[in-house]
PDB file of N, CA and C in Angstrom:
ATOM      1  N   MET A   1      95.341  98.375  93.785  1.00  0.00           N
ATOM      2  CA  MET A   1      94.964  97.027  93.372  1.00  0.00           C
ATOM      3  C   MET A   1      96.028  96.061  93.885  1.00  0.00           C
ATOM      4  N   SER A   2      95.610  94.971  94.400  1.00  0.00           N
ATOM      5  CA  SER A   2      96.532  93.997  94.965  1.00  0.00           C
ATOM      6  C   SER A   2      97.439  93.394  93.895  1.00  0.00           C
ATOM      7  N   HIS A   3      98.649  93.021  94.332  1.00  0.00           N
ATOM      8  CA  HIS A   3      99.592  92.373  93.403  1.00  0.00           C
ATOM      9  C   HIS A   3      99.016  91.059  92.879  1.00  0.00           C
ATOM     10  N   ALA A   4      98.307  90.338  93.739  1.00  0.00           N
ATOM     11  CA  ALA A   4      97.729  89.059  93.315  1.00  0.00           C
ATOM     12  C   ALA A   4      96.684  89.264  92.239  1.00  0.00           C
ATOM     13  N   LEU A   5      95.813  90.253  92.410  1.00  0.00           N
ATOM     14  CA  LEU A   5      94.772  90.518  91.427  1.00  0.00           C
ATOM     15  C   LEU A   5      95.388  91.001  90.123  1.00  0.00           C
ATOM     16  N   ALA A   6      96.329  91.905  90.212  1.00  0.00           N
ATOM     17  CA  ALA A   6      96.986  92.407  89.003  1.00  0.00           C
ATOM     18  C   ALA A   6      97.670  91.270  88.265  1.00  0.00           C
ATOM     19  N   GLY A   7      98.333  90.389  89.008  1.00  0.00           N
ATOM     20  CA  GLY A   7      99.016  89.262  88.385  1.00  0.00           C
ATOM     21  C   GLY A   7      98.061  88.276  87.752  1.00  0.00           C
ATOM     22  N   ALA A   8      96.907  88.101  88.360  1.00  0.00           N
ATOM     23  CA  ALA A   8      95.933  87.139  87.840  1.00  0.00           C
ATOM     24  C   ALA A   8      95.442  87.530  86.460  1.00  0.00           C
ATOM     25  N   PHE A   9      95.378  88.812  86.195  1.00  0.00           N
ATOM     26  CA  PHE A   9      94.887  89.256  84.904  1.00  0.00           C
ATOM     27  C   PHE A   9      96.005  89.547  83.915  1.00  0.00           C
ATOM     28  N   ALA A  10      97.245  89.561  84.376  1.00  0.00           N
ATOM     29  CA  ALA A  10      98.358  89.920  83.503  1.00  0.00           C
ATOM     30  C   ALA A  10      98.967  88.715  82.790  1.00  0.00           C
ATOM     31  N   TYR A  11      98.869  87.532  83.374  1.00  0.00           N
ATOM     32  CA  TYR A  11      99.547  86.370  82.818  1.00  0.00           C
ATOM     33  C   TYR A  11      98.576  85.241  82.567  1.00  0.00           C
ATOM     34  N   PRO A  12      98.595  84.668  81.366  1.00  0.00           N
ATOM     35  CA  PRO A  12      97.739  83.513  81.116  1.00  0.00           C
ATOM     36  C   PRO A  12      98.331  82.269  81.773  1.00  0.00           C
ATOM     37  N   GLY A  13      97.478  81.319  82.100  1.00  0.00           N
ATOM     38  CA  GLY A  13      97.959  80.053  82.635  1.00  0.00           C
ATOM     39  C   GLY A  13      98.343  80.130  84.091  1.00  0.00           C
ATOM     40  N   ARG A  14      99.167  79.186  84.519  1.00  0.00           N
ATOM     41  CA  ARG A  14      99.565  79.066  85.919  1.00  0.00           C
ATOM     42  C   ARG A  14     100.414  80.254  86.351  1.00  0.00           C
ATOM     43  N   LEU A  15     100.163  80.744  87.545  1.00  0.00           N
ATOM     44  CA  LEU A  15     100.879  81.891  88.069  1.00  0.00           C
ATOM     45  C   LEU A  15     101.882  81.444  89.114  1.00  0.00           C
ATOM     46  N   GLU A  16     102.935  82.203  89.284  1.00  0.00           N
ATOM     47  CA  GLU A  16     103.869  81.965  90.377  1.00  0.00           C
ATOM     48  C   GLU A  16     103.283  82.596  91.628  1.00  0.00           C
ATOM     49  N   PRO A  17     103.618  82.071  92.814  1.00  0.00           N
ATOM     50  CA  PRO A  17     103.058  82.650  94.023  1.00  0.00           C
ATOM     51  C   PRO A  17     103.510  84.086  94.223  1.00  0.00           C
ATOM     52  N   GLY A  18     102.591  84.916  94.674  1.00  0.00           N
ATOM     53  CA  GLY A  18     102.913  86.305  94.995  1.00  0.00           C
ATOM     54  C   GLY A  18     103.190  86.434  96.477  1.00  0.00           C
ATOM     55  N   LEU A  19     103.036  87.620  97.006  1.00  0.00           N
ATOM     56  CA  LEU A  19     103.279  87.855  98.424  1.00  0.00           C
ATOM     57  C   LEU A  19     102.377  87.013  99.296  1.00  0.00           C
ATOM     58  N   SER A  20     101.170  86.743  98.828  1.00  0.00           N
ATOM     59  CA  SER A  20     100.213  85.988  99.625  1.00  0.00           C
ATOM     60  C   SER A  20     100.437  84.486  99.543  1.00  0.00           C
ATOM     61  N   GLY A  21     101.274  84.032  98.613  1.00  0.00           N
ATOM     62  CA  GLY A  21     101.486  82.609  98.439  1.00  0.00           C
ATOM     63  C   GLY A  21     100.457  81.965  97.548  1.00  0.00           C
ATOM     64  N   ILE A  22      99.713  82.763  96.796  1.00  0.00           N
ATOM     65  CA  ILE A  22      98.624  82.265  95.966  1.00  0.00           C
ATOM     66  C   ILE A  22      99.108  82.011  94.549  1.00  0.00           C
ATOM     67  N   VAL A  23      98.742  80.869  94.010  1.00  0.00           N
ATOM     68  CA  VAL A  23      98.958  80.597  92.594  1.00  0.00           C
ATOM     69  C   VAL A  23      97.670  80.037  92.039  1.00  0.00           C
ATOM     70  N   GLY A  24      97.568  79.962  90.736  1.00  0.00           N
ATOM     71  CA  GLY A  24      96.380  79.365  90.151  1.00  0.00           C
ATOM     72  C   GLY A  24      96.236  79.720  88.700  1.00  0.00           C
ATOM     73  N   GLU A  25      95.135  79.326  88.131  1.00  0.00           N
ATOM     74  CA  GLU A  25      94.836  79.620  86.747  1.00  0.00           C
ATOM     75  C   GLU A  25      94.249  81.019  86.652  1.00  0.00           C
ATOM     76  N   ALA A  26      94.630  81.759  85.635  1.00  0.00           N
ATOM     77  CA  ALA A  26      94.162  83.135  85.486  1.00  0.00           C
ATOM     78  C   ALA A  26      92.660  83.209  85.256  1.00  0.00           C
ATOM     79  N   ASP A  27      92.072  82.161  84.685  1.00  0.00           N
ATOM     80  CA  ASP A  27      90.658  82.239  84.351  1.00  0.00           C
ATOM     81  C   ASP A  27      89.743  81.532  85.348  1.00  0.00           C
ATOM     82  N   ASP A  28      90.241  81.139  86.524  1.00  0.00           N
ATOM     83  CA  ASP A  28      89.388  80.413  87.455  1.00  0.00           C
ATOM     84  C   ASP A  28      88.928  81.244  88.649  1.00  0.00           C
ATOM     85  N   LEU A  29      89.042  82.575  88.578  1.00  0.00           N
ATOM     86  CA  LEU A  29      88.700  83.414  89.721  1.00  0.00           C
ATOM     87  C   LEU A  29      87.246  83.287  90.145  1.00  0.00           C
ATOM     88  N   ALA A  30      86.351  83.009  89.216  1.00  0.00           N
ATOM     89  CA  ALA A  30      84.937  82.952  89.560  1.00  0.00           C
ATOM     90  C   ALA A  30      84.503  81.585  90.066  1.00  0.00           C
ATOM     91  N   GLU A  31      85.351  80.572  89.994  1.00  0.00           N
ATOM     92  CA  GLU A  31      84.937  79.229  90.376  1.00  0.00           C
ATOM     93  C   GLU A  31      84.738  79.057  91.868  1.00  0.00           C
ATOM     94  N   ASN A  32      85.492  79.766  92.681  1.00  0.00           N
ATOM     95  CA  ASN A  32      85.402  79.620  94.122  1.00  0.00           C
ATOM     96  C   ASN A  32      85.419  80.998  94.756  1.00  0.00           C
ATOM     97  N   PRO A  33      84.299  81.459  95.302  1.00  0.00           N
ATOM     98  CA  PRO A  33      84.239  82.815  95.863  1.00  0.00           C
ATOM     99  C   PRO A  33      85.278  83.071  96.947  1.00  0.00           C
ATOM    100  N   LEU A  34      85.579  82.084  97.795  1.00  0.00           N
ATOM    101  CA  LEU A  34      86.569  82.283  98.844  1.00  0.00           C
ATOM    102  C   LEU A  34      87.952  82.512  98.246  1.00  0.00           C
ATOM    103  N   LEU A  35      88.328  81.692  97.272  1.00  0.00           N
ATOM    104  CA  LEU A  35      89.638  81.884  96.635  1.00  0.00           C
ATOM    105  C   LEU A  35      89.689  83.211  95.898  1.00  0.00           C
ATOM    106  N   THR A  36      88.568  83.640  95.330  1.00  0.00           N
ATOM    107  CA  THR A  36      88.525  84.940  94.674  1.00  0.00           C
ATOM    108  C   THR A  36      88.854  86.035  95.673  1.00  0.00           C
ATOM    109  N   LEU A  37      88.250  85.981  96.859  1.00  0.00           N
ATOM    110  CA  LEU A  37      88.545  86.979  97.886  1.00  0.00           C
ATOM    111  C   LEU A  37      89.998  86.916  98.319  1.00  0.00           C
ATOM    112  N   VAL A  38      90.518  85.720  98.523  1.00  0.00           N
ATOM    113  CA  VAL A  38      91.902  85.568  98.941  1.00  0.00           C
ATOM    114  C   VAL A  38      92.837  86.123  97.875  1.00  0.00           C
ATOM    115  N   ARG A  39      92.555  85.809  96.623  1.00  0.00           N
ATOM    116  CA  ARG A  39      93.422  86.268  95.537  1.00  0.00           C
ATOM    117  C   ARG A  39      93.404  87.782  95.372  1.00  0.00           C
ATOM    118  N   THR A  40      92.356  88.427  95.830  1.00  0.00           N
ATOM    119  CA  THR A  40      92.302  89.879  95.687  1.00  0.00           C
ATOM    120  C   THR A  40      92.926  90.590  96.881  1.00  0.00           C
ATOM    121  N   GLY A  41      93.560  89.864  97.752  1.00  0.00           N
ATOM    122  CA  GLY A  41      94.349  90.499  98.793  1.00  0.00           C
ATOM    123  C   GLY A  41      93.936  90.219 100.219  1.00  0.00           C
ATOM    124  N   ILE A  42      92.919  89.408 100.456  1.00  0.00           N
ATOM    125  CA  ILE A  42      92.552  89.083 101.826  1.00  0.00           C
ATOM    126  C   ILE A  42      93.541  88.028 102.325  1.00  0.00           C
ATOM    127  N   GLU A  43      94.236  88.388 103.380  1.00  0.00           N
ATOM    128  CA  GLU A  43      95.228  87.490 103.953  1.00  0.00           C
ATOM    129  C   GLU A  43      95.088  87.490 105.464  1.00  0.00           C
ATOM    130  N   ASN A  44      95.776  86.584 106.099  1.00  0.00           N
ATOM    131  CA  ASN A  44      95.798  86.531 107.543  1.00  0.00           C
ATOM    132  C   ASN A  44      96.874  87.498 108.038  1.00  0.00           C
ATOM    133  N   ASP A  45      96.458  88.640 108.572  1.00  0.00           N
ATOM    134  CA  ASP A  45      97.405  89.652 109.051  1.00  0.00           C
ATOM    135  C   ASP A  45      98.275  89.126 110.188  1.00  0.00           C
ATOM    136  N   PHE A  46      97.828  88.098 110.861  1.00  0.00           N
ATOM    137  CA  PHE A  46      98.600  87.537 111.971  1.00  0.00           C
ATOM    138  C   PHE A  46      99.894  86.885 111.494  1.00  0.00           C
ATOM    139  N   GLU A  47      99.961  86.532 110.196  1.00  0.00           N
ATOM    140  CA  GLU A  47     101.191  85.930 109.674  1.00  0.00           C
ATOM    141  C   GLU A  47     102.399  86.829 109.924  1.00  0.00           C
ATOM    142  N   GLU A  48     102.245  88.125 109.726  1.00  0.00           N
ATOM    143  CA  GLU A  48     103.369  89.047 109.918  1.00  0.00           C
ATOM    144  C   GLU A  48     103.916  88.949 111.346  1.00  0.00           C
ATOM    145  N   VAL A  49     103.029  88.916 112.318  1.00  0.00           N
ATOM    146  CA  VAL A  49     103.438  88.820 113.716  1.00  0.00           C
ATOM    147  C   VAL A  49     104.025  87.443 114.013  1.00  0.00           C
ATOM    148  N   ALA A  50     103.291  86.397 113.632  1.00  0.00           N
ATOM    149  CA  ALA A  50     103.727  85.032 113.930  1.00  0.00           C
ATOM    150  C   ALA A  50     105.051  84.703 113.254  1.00  0.00           C
ATOM    151  N   PHE A  51     105.206  85.104 111.981  1.00  0.00           N
ATOM    152  CA  PHE A  51     106.428  84.787 111.254  1.00  0.00           C
ATOM    153  C   PHE A  51     107.626  85.560 111.791  1.00  0.00           C
ATOM    154  N   SER A  52     107.398  86.775 112.294  1.00  0.00           N
ATOM    155  CA  SER A  52     108.523  87.529 112.857  1.00  0.00           C
ATOM    156  C   SER A  52     108.981  86.909 114.179  1.00  0.00           C
ATOM    157  N   MET A  53     108.052  86.327 114.930  1.00  0.00           N
ATOM    158  CA  MET A  53     108.402  85.691 116.200  1.00  0.00           C
ATOM    159  C   MET A  53     108.915  84.264 116.005  1.00  0.00           C
ATOM    160  N   HIS A  54     108.457  83.612 114.947  1.00  0.00           N
ATOM    161  CA  HIS A  54     108.817  82.212 114.676  1.00  0.00           C
ATOM    162  C   HIS A  54     109.146  82.055 113.191  1.00  0.00           C
ATOM    163  N   PRO A  55     110.360  82.431 112.779  1.00  0.00           N
ATOM    164  CA  PRO A  55     110.731  82.408 111.353  1.00  0.00           C
ATOM    165  C   PRO A  55     110.582  81.037 110.687  1.00  0.00           C
ATOM    166  N   SER A  56     110.629  79.979 111.461  1.00  0.00           N
ATOM    167  CA  SER A  56     110.486  78.647 110.864  1.00  0.00           C
ATOM    168  C   SER A  56     109.101  78.462 110.241  1.00  0.00           C
ATOM    169  N   LEU A  57     108.092  79.200 110.724  1.00  0.00           N
ATOM    170  CA  LEU A  57     106.753  79.113 110.135  1.00  0.00           C
ATOM    171  C   LEU A  57     106.758  79.603 108.690  1.00  0.00           C
ATOM    172  N   ARG A  58     107.521  80.660 108.422  1.00  0.00           N
ATOM    173  CA  ARG A  58     107.622  81.171 107.048  1.00  0.00           C
ATOM    174  C   ARG A  58     108.244  80.108 106.141  1.00  0.00           C
ATOM    175  N   THR A  59     109.236  79.403 106.667  1.00  0.00           N
ATOM    176  CA  THR A  59     109.891  78.339 105.900  1.00  0.00           C
ATOM    177  C   THR A  59     108.898  77.229 105.570  1.00  0.00           C
ATOM    178  N   VAL A  60     108.102  76.838 106.549  1.00  0.00           N
ATOM    179  CA  VAL A  60     107.102  75.785 106.315  1.00  0.00           C
ATOM    180  C   VAL A  60     106.074  76.258 105.296  1.00  0.00           C
ATOM    181  N   LYS A  61     105.655  77.523 105.380  1.00  0.00           N
ATOM    182  CA  LYS A  61     104.698  78.041 104.401  1.00  0.00           C
ATOM    183  C   LYS A  61     105.289  77.968 102.996  1.00  0.00           C
ATOM    184  N   ARG A  62     106.560  78.312 102.846  1.00  0.00           N
ATOM    185  CA  ARG A  62     107.208  78.220 101.531  1.00  0.00           C
ATOM    186  C   ARG A  62     107.254  76.787 101.041  1.00  0.00           C
ATOM    187  N   GLU A  63     107.522  75.839 101.963  1.00  0.00           N
ATOM    188  CA  GLU A  63     107.528  74.423 101.580  1.00  0.00           C
ATOM    189  C   GLU A  63     106.140  73.984 101.147  1.00  0.00           C
ATOM    190  N   LEU A  64     105.119  74.443 101.855  1.00  0.00           N
ATOM    191  CA  LEU A  64     103.740  74.123 101.471  1.00  0.00           C
ATOM    192  C   LEU A  64     103.398  74.719 100.113  1.00  0.00           C
ATOM    193  N   ALA A  65     103.811  75.964  99.884  1.00  0.00           N
ATOM    194  CA  ALA A  65     103.491  76.647  98.632  1.00  0.00           C
ATOM    195  C   ALA A  65     104.146  75.957  97.446  1.00  0.00           C
ATOM    196  N   GLY A  66     105.385  75.495  97.608  1.00  0.00           N
ATOM    197  CA  GLY A  66     106.081  74.855  96.504  1.00  0.00           C
ATOM    198  C   GLY A  66     106.276  75.810  95.347  1.00  0.00           C
ATOM    199  N   SER A  67     106.554  75.240  94.188  1.00  0.00           N
ATOM    200  CA  SER A  67     106.746  76.045  92.983  1.00  0.00           C
ATOM    201  C   SER A  67     106.452  75.196  91.758  1.00  0.00           C
ATOM    202  N   GLY A  68     106.344  75.864  90.641  1.00  0.00           N
ATOM    203  CA  GLY A  68     106.108  75.162  89.388  1.00  0.00           C
ATOM    204  C   GLY A  68     104.702  74.615  89.279  1.00  0.00           C
ATOM    205  N   PRO A  69     104.522  73.614  88.429  1.00  0.00           N
ATOM    206  CA  PRO A  69     103.180  73.106  88.140  1.00  0.00           C
ATOM    207  C   PRO A  69     102.489  72.430  89.325  1.00  0.00           C
ATOM    208  N   GLU A  70     103.257  71.995  90.335  1.00  0.00           N
ATOM    209  CA  GLU A  70     102.644  71.335  91.487  1.00  0.00           C
ATOM    210  C   GLU A  70     102.483  72.289  92.678  1.00  0.00           C
ATOM    211  N   ALA A  71     102.653  73.579  92.452  1.00  0.00           N
ATOM    212  CA  ALA A  71     102.555  74.562  93.534  1.00  0.00           C
ATOM    213  C   ALA A  71     101.143  74.605  94.110  1.00  0.00           C
ATOM    214  N   ALA A  72     101.055  75.041  95.350  1.00  0.00           N
ATOM    215  CA  ALA A  72      99.760  75.182  96.012  1.00  0.00           C
ATOM    216  C   ALA A  72      98.930  76.269  95.336  1.00  0.00           C
ATOM    217  N   ILE A  73      97.627  76.099  95.327  1.00  0.00           N
ATOM    218  CA  ILE A  73      96.716  77.147  94.892  1.00  0.00           C
ATOM    219  C   ILE A  73      96.804  78.282  95.904  1.00  0.00           C
ATOM    220  N   PHE A  74      96.919  77.900  97.187  1.00  0.00           N
ATOM    221  CA  PHE A  74      97.076  78.870  98.273  1.00  0.00           C
ATOM    222  C   PHE A  74      97.759  78.178  99.430  1.00  0.00           C
ATOM    223  N   ALA A  75      98.611  78.895 100.136  1.00  0.00           N
ATOM    224  CA  ALA A  75      99.214  78.408 101.377  1.00  0.00           C
ATOM    225  C   ALA A  75      99.131  79.536 102.384  1.00  0.00           C
ATOM    226  N   GLY A  76      98.804  79.196 103.626  1.00  0.00           N
ATOM    227  CA  GLY A  76      98.687  80.244 104.622  1.00  0.00           C
ATOM    228  C   GLY A  76      98.572  79.719 106.034  1.00  0.00           C
ATOM    229  N   LEU A  77      98.466  80.664 106.947  1.00  0.00           N
ATOM    230  CA  LEU A  77      98.304  80.398 108.368  1.00  0.00           C
ATOM    231  C   LEU A  77      96.816  80.403 108.678  1.00  0.00           C
ATOM    232  N   SER A  78      96.346  79.399 109.397  1.00  0.00           N
ATOM    233  CA  SER A  78      94.926  79.364 109.745  1.00  0.00           C
ATOM    234  C   SER A  78      94.661  80.221 110.979  1.00  0.00           C
ATOM    235  N   GLY A  79      93.594  80.965 110.941  1.00  0.00           N
ATOM    236  CA  GLY A  79      93.138  81.729 112.101  1.00  0.00           C
ATOM    237  C   GLY A  79      94.230  82.403 112.888  1.00  0.00           C
ATOM    238  N   SER A  80      94.328  82.056 114.169  1.00  0.00           N
ATOM    239  CA  SER A  80      95.323  82.663 115.048  1.00  0.00           C
ATOM    240  C   SER A  80      96.600  81.842 115.099  1.00  0.00           C
ATOM    241  N   GLY A  81      96.793  80.975 114.124  1.00  0.00           N
ATOM    242  CA  GLY A  81      98.072  80.288 114.000  1.00  0.00           C
ATOM    243  C   GLY A  81      98.124  78.873 114.511  1.00  0.00           C
ATOM    244  N   SER A  82      96.980  78.212 114.592  1.00  0.00           N
ATOM    245  CA  SER A  82      97.006  76.833 115.067  1.00  0.00           C
ATOM    246  C   SER A  82      97.600  75.881 114.037  1.00  0.00           C
ATOM    247  N   ALA A  83      97.624  76.292 112.767  1.00  0.00           N
ATOM    248  CA  ALA A  83      98.167  75.425 111.720  1.00  0.00           C
ATOM    249  C   ALA A  83      98.508  76.242 110.479  1.00  0.00           C
ATOM    250  N   LEU A  84      99.420  75.703 109.697  1.00  0.00           N
ATOM    251  CA  LEU A  84      99.669  76.189 108.343  1.00  0.00           C
ATOM    252  C   LEU A  84      99.005  75.193 107.414  1.00  0.00           C
ATOM    253  N   PHE A  85      98.507  75.654 106.277  1.00  0.00           N
ATOM    254  CA  PHE A  85      97.818  74.742 105.364  1.00  0.00           C
ATOM    255  C   PHE A  85      98.096  75.140 103.925  1.00  0.00           C
ATOM    256  N   GLY A  86      97.879  74.195 103.039  1.00  0.00           N
ATOM    257  CA  GLY A  86      97.976  74.445 101.611  1.00  0.00           C
ATOM    258  C   GLY A  86      96.782  73.832 100.917  1.00  0.00           C
ATOM    259  N   LEU A  87      96.339  74.482  99.837  1.00  0.00           N
ATOM    260  CA  LEU A  87      95.271  73.939  98.994  1.00  0.00           C
ATOM    261  C   LEU A  87      95.895  73.578  97.658  1.00  0.00           C
ATOM    262  N   TYR A  88      95.616  72.388  97.151  1.00  0.00           N
ATOM    263  CA  TYR A  88      96.285  71.874  95.956  1.00  0.00           C
ATOM    264  C   TYR A  88      95.291  71.432  94.895  1.00  0.00           C
ATOM    265  N   ALA A  89      95.754  71.458  93.659  1.00  0.00           N
ATOM    266  CA  ALA A  89      94.909  71.074  92.527  1.00  0.00           C
ATOM    267  C   ALA A  89      94.674  69.572  92.484  1.00  0.00           C
ATOM    268  N   SER A  90      95.600  68.790  93.025  1.00  0.00           N
ATOM    269  CA  SER A  90      95.441  67.337  92.978  1.00  0.00           C
ATOM    270  C   SER A  90      95.984  66.701  94.253  1.00  0.00           C
ATOM    271  N   GLU A  91      95.573  65.480  94.492  1.00  0.00           N
ATOM    272  CA  GLU A  91      96.078  64.740  95.652  1.00  0.00           C
ATOM    273  C   GLU A  91      97.580  64.495  95.511  1.00  0.00           C
ATOM    274  N   ASP A  92      98.045  64.249  94.290  1.00  0.00           N
ATOM    275  CA  ASP A  92      99.485  64.050  94.077  1.00  0.00           C
ATOM    276  C   ASP A  92     100.284  65.288  94.474  1.00  0.00           C
ATOM    277  N   ASP A  93      99.783  66.482  94.116  1.00  0.00           N
ATOM    278  CA  ASP A  93     100.453  67.721  94.514  1.00  0.00           C
ATOM    279  C   ASP A  93     100.487  67.848  96.035  1.00  0.00           C
ATOM    280  N   ALA A  94      99.386  67.482  96.690  1.00  0.00           N
ATOM    281  CA  ALA A  94      99.320  67.547  98.155  1.00  0.00           C
ATOM    282  C   ALA A  94     100.306  66.558  98.786  1.00  0.00           C
ATOM    283  N   LEU A  95     100.405  65.371  98.222  1.00  0.00           N
ATOM    284  CA  LEU A  95     101.342  64.371  98.752  1.00  0.00           C
ATOM    285  C   LEU A  95     102.790  64.827  98.587  1.00  0.00           C
ATOM    286  N   ARG A  96     103.109  65.475  97.454  1.00  0.00           N
ATOM    287  CA  ARG A  96     104.465  66.000  97.262  1.00  0.00           C
ATOM    288  C   ARG A  96     104.758  67.114  98.278  1.00  0.00           C
ATOM    289  N   ALA A  97     103.773  67.945  98.559  1.00  0.00           N
ATOM    290  CA  ALA A  97     103.943  68.996  99.570  1.00  0.00           C
ATOM    291  C   ALA A  97     104.167  68.370 100.948  1.00  0.00           C
ATOM    292  N   GLN A  98     103.421  67.333 101.250  1.00  0.00           N
ATOM    293  CA  GLN A  98     103.592  66.640 102.520  1.00  0.00           C
ATOM    294  C   GLN A  98     105.025  66.118 102.644  1.00  0.00           C
ATOM    295  N   GLN A  99     105.550  65.539 101.576  1.00  0.00           N
ATOM    296  CA  GLN A  99     106.924  65.035 101.597  1.00  0.00           C
ATOM    297  C   GLN A  99     107.933  66.158 101.803  1.00  0.00           C
ATOM    298  N   ARG A 100     107.718  67.315 101.132  1.00  0.00           N
ATOM    299  CA  ARG A 100     108.630  68.459 101.300  1.00  0.00           C
ATOM    300  C   ARG A 100     108.654  68.920 102.751  1.00  0.00           C
ATOM    301  N   VAL A 101     107.470  69.049 103.339  1.00  0.00           N
ATOM    302  CA  VAL A 101     107.373  69.549 104.707  1.00  0.00           C
ATOM    303  C   VAL A 101     107.965  68.541 105.692  1.00  0.00           C
ATOM    304  N   GLN A 102     107.650  67.271 105.516  1.00  0.00           N
ATOM    305  CA  GLN A 102     108.157  66.247 106.431  1.00  0.00           C
ATOM    306  C   GLN A 102     109.670  66.062 106.302  1.00  0.00           C
ATOM    307  N   ALA A 103     110.227  66.320 105.119  1.00  0.00           N
ATOM    308  CA  ALA A 103     111.674  66.204 104.935  1.00  0.00           C
ATOM    309  C   ALA A 103     112.435  67.188 105.823  1.00  0.00           C
ATOM    310  N   SER A 104     111.768  68.290 106.199  1.00  0.00           N
ATOM    311  CA  SER A 104     112.417  69.269 107.073  1.00  0.00           C
ATOM    312  C   SER A 104     112.099  69.010 108.548  1.00  0.00           C
ATOM    313  N   GLY A 105     111.389  67.913 108.839  1.00  0.00           N
ATOM    314  CA  GLY A 105     111.129  67.539 110.219  1.00  0.00           C
ATOM    315  C   GLY A 105     109.830  68.050 110.805  1.00  0.00           C
ATOM    316  N   THR A 106     108.934  68.560 109.967  1.00  0.00           N
ATOM    317  CA  THR A 106     107.648  69.064 110.440  1.00  0.00           C
ATOM    318  C   THR A 106     106.555  68.077 110.054  1.00  0.00           C
ATOM    319  N   LYS A 107     105.665  67.791 110.986  1.00  0.00           N
ATOM    320  CA  LYS A 107     104.554  66.887 110.714  1.00  0.00           C
ATOM    321  C   LYS A 107     103.612  67.520 109.691  1.00  0.00           C
ATOM    322  N   ALA A 108     103.137  66.730 108.743  1.00  0.00           N
ATOM    323  CA  ALA A 108     102.195  67.197 107.721  1.00  0.00           C
ATOM    324  C   ALA A 108     101.160  66.106 107.479  1.00  0.00           C
ATOM    325  N   VAL A 109      99.910  66.512 107.389  1.00  0.00           N
ATOM    326  CA  VAL A 109      98.807  65.580 107.183  1.00  0.00           C
ATOM    327  C   VAL A 109      98.030  66.002 105.944  1.00  0.00           C
ATOM    328  N   VAL A 110      97.789  65.067 105.041  1.00  0.00           N
ATOM    329  CA  VAL A 110      96.979  65.354 103.854  1.00  0.00           C
ATOM    330  C   VAL A 110      95.524  65.061 104.196  1.00  0.00           C
ATOM    331  N   THR A 111      94.665  66.027 103.917  1.00  0.00           N
ATOM    332  CA  THR A 111      93.235  65.869 104.153  1.00  0.00           C
ATOM    333  C   THR A 111      92.492  66.235 102.873  1.00  0.00           C
ATOM    334  N   LYS A 112      91.195  66.086 102.886  1.00  0.00           N
ATOM    335  CA  LYS A 112      90.368  66.481 101.747  1.00  0.00           C
ATOM    336  C   LYS A 112      89.306  67.447 102.234  1.00  0.00           C
ATOM    337  N   THR A 113      88.968  68.400 101.383  1.00  0.00           N
ATOM    338  CA  THR A 113      87.883  69.313 101.726  1.00  0.00           C
ATOM    339  C   THR A 113      86.551  68.652 101.411  1.00  0.00           C
ATOM    340  N   LEU A 114      85.525  69.097 102.101  1.00  0.00           N
ATOM    341  CA  LEU A 114      84.173  68.590 101.884  1.00  0.00           C
ATOM    342  C   LEU A 114      83.278  69.717 101.417  1.00  0.00           C
ATOM    343  N   SER A 115      82.304  69.375 100.602  1.00  0.00           N
ATOM    344  CA  SER A 115      81.265  70.351 100.268  1.00  0.00           C
ATOM    345  C   SER A 115      80.432  70.577 101.525  1.00  0.00           C
ATOM    346  N   ARG A 116      79.639  71.624 101.535  1.00  0.00           N
ATOM    347  CA  ARG A 116      78.775  71.879 102.694  1.00  0.00           C
ATOM    348  C   ARG A 116      77.864  70.666 102.936  1.00  0.00           C
ATOM    349  N   HIS A 117      77.294  70.138 101.854  1.00  0.00           N
ATOM    350  CA  HIS A 117      76.416  68.968 101.980  1.00  0.00           C
ATOM    351  C   HIS A 117      77.199  67.783 102.553  1.00  0.00           C
ATOM    352  N   GLY A 118      78.383  67.541 102.025  1.00  0.00           N
ATOM    353  CA  GLY A 118      79.209  66.438 102.516  1.00  0.00           C
ATOM    354  C   GLY A 118      79.578  66.593 103.977  1.00  0.00           C
ATOM    355  N   TYR A 119      79.866  67.830 104.389  1.00  0.00           N
ATOM    356  CA  TYR A 119      80.196  68.102 105.784  1.00  0.00           C
ATOM    357  C   TYR A 119      79.024  67.737 106.697  1.00  0.00           C
ATOM    358  N   TRP A 120      77.840  68.280 106.366  1.00  0.00           N
ATOM    359  CA  TRP A 120      76.680  68.018 107.221  1.00  0.00           C
ATOM    360  C   TRP A 120      76.299  66.557 107.202  1.00  0.00           C
ATOM    361  N   HIS A 121      76.419  65.909 106.064  1.00  0.00           N
ATOM    362  CA  HIS A 121      76.127  64.481 105.984  1.00  0.00           C
ATOM    363  C   HIS A 121      77.084  63.682 106.868  1.00  0.00           C
ATOM    364  N   THR A 122      78.359  64.050 106.836  1.00  0.00           N
ATOM    365  CA  THR A 122      79.367  63.366 107.661  1.00  0.00           C
ATOM    366  C   THR A 122      79.149  63.622 109.143  1.00  0.00           C
ATOM    367  N   MET A 123      78.799  64.861 109.491  1.00  0.00           N
ATOM    368  CA  MET A 123      78.604  65.204 110.906  1.00  0.00           C
ATOM    369  C   MET A 123      77.434  64.481 111.545  1.00  0.00           C
ATOM    370  N   PHE A 124      76.402  64.231 110.746  1.00  0.00           N
ATOM    371  CA  PHE A 124      75.180  63.649 111.297  1.00  0.00           C
ATOM    372  C   PHE A 124      74.882  62.264 110.758  1.00  0.00           C
ATOM    373  N   ALA A 125      75.890  61.614 110.189  1.00  0.00           N
ATOM    374  CA  ALA A 125      75.702  60.254 109.666  1.00  0.00           C
ATOM    375  C   ALA A 125      75.462  59.302 110.837  1.00  0.00           C
ATOM    376  N   GLU A 126      74.592  58.354 110.619  1.00  0.00           N
ATOM    377  CA  GLU A 126      74.280  57.380 111.686  1.00  0.00           C
ATOM    378  C   GLU A 126      75.085  56.147 111.532  1.00  0.00           C
TER     379      GLU A 126
END
């Protein structure tokens, strides 16, 4: 059983990030199927390779993850490493993460996720 899954059921309330960089509420696993999969141990295996070749990426991921009540729900490497990203509970948490990352000299952009409907509406809006 993954450390993230075991931790999710062992502690009530907000969790500290595990090996995957995942934190969150113990009772919200069913709210988002993708986060449920990630929390149960699905990670980007390329991180091990990329971080060993470029240790500064691990540092940026830690800055994105943060700690305490404003920590990221998840922080990780996208796909084959085109970007590092964090998912946050609030825009304020995301803005604080942006400040942490930029303070070390790395560009950071705050964006918002879209629902599937919102995505398609935006893509084909006239």
